[in-house]
Amino acid sequence: MQTNTPDPKPLLVNCQTAQHLLGVRNTKFWALVKAGAVETVKLGDRTMVRYASLERLAEPKAA
């Protein structure tokens, strides 16, 4: 029996995917990382992005 549960959100995505999701290019992406707006994690020689930090960045700011 199959259930219609949505796919779970990933914990981490690669930098290229994060750039695509945010709709920004490389320079803007790394500026966001440097500013602390996007959280990264090193896994061996790969740099991964916390998906939750992308969601927080996309949330509207409270006035």
Protein backbone atom coordinates (compact mmCIF):
# COMPACT_ATOMS: atom_id res chain seq x y z
CA MET A 1 0.00 0.00 0.00
CA GLN A 2 1.46 3.35 -1.04
CA THR A 3 0.99 6.55 0.89
CA ASN A 4 1.20 10.01 -0.61
CA THR A 5 3.76 11.45 1.76
CA PRO A 6 5.92 14.25 0.39
CA ASP A 7 9.62 13.68 -0.06
CA PRO A 8 11.58 14.88 2.96
CA LYS A 9 13.63 18.04 2.54
CA PRO A 10 17.35 17.45 2.19
CA LEU A 11 19.58 18.48 5.08
CA LEU A 12 22.35 19.58 2.73
CA VAL A 13 22.65 20.53 -0.92
CA ASN A 14 25.72 21.24 -3.02
CA CYS A 15 26.71 24.83 -3.83
CA GLN A 16 25.53 24.64 -7.42
CA THR A 17 22.07 23.49 -6.34
CA ALA A 18 21.92 26.21 -3.67
CA GLN A 19 22.77 28.86 -6.27
CA HIS A 20 20.03 27.53 -8.53
CA LEU A 21 17.46 27.47 -5.71
CA LEU A 22 18.30 31.05 -4.70
CA GLY A 23 18.47 32.27 -8.29
CA VAL A 24 21.89 33.87 -7.83
CA ARG A 25 25.21 33.48 -9.56
CA ASN A 26 28.53 32.43 -8.07
CA THR A 27 29.78 35.84 -6.86
CA LYS A 28 26.52 36.74 -5.08
CA PHE A 29 26.30 33.26 -3.57
CA TRP A 30 29.76 33.46 -2.01
CA ALA A 31 29.03 36.99 -0.77
CA LEU A 32 25.99 35.55 1.06
CA VAL A 33 28.19 32.81 2.53
CA LYS A 34 30.79 35.34 3.65
CA ALA A 35 28.07 37.52 5.22
CA GLY A 36 26.80 34.51 7.18
CA ALA A 37 23.40 34.45 5.46
CA VAL A 38 24.06 31.00 3.99
CA GLU A 39 25.56 28.27 6.19
CA THR A 40 28.07 25.85 4.70
CA VAL A 41 29.51 22.58 5.96
CA LYS A 42 32.68 20.84 4.78
CA LEU A 43 32.33 17.13 4.02
CA GLY A 44 35.79 15.98 3.06
CA ASP A 45 36.75 18.22 0.17
CA ARG A 46 33.14 19.13 -0.69
CA THR A 47 31.40 22.26 0.51
CA MET A 48 27.73 21.67 1.20
CA VAL A 49 24.98 24.15 2.11
CA ARG A 50 22.46 23.71 4.90
CA TYR A 51 19.02 23.65 3.26
CA ALA A 52 17.49 25.28 6.35
CA SER A 53 19.70 28.35 5.85
CA LEU A 54 18.31 28.73 2.32
CA GLU A 55 14.76 28.58 3.69
CA ARG A 56 15.57 31.20 6.34
CA LEU A 57 17.05 33.49 3.72
CA ALA A 58 13.89 33.21 1.62
CA GLU A 59 11.52 33.94 4.53
CA PRO A 60 9.99 37.42 4.62
CA LYS A 61 11.49 39.71 7.23
CA ALA A 62 9.26 40.91 10.06
CA ALA A 63 8.67 44.67 9.97
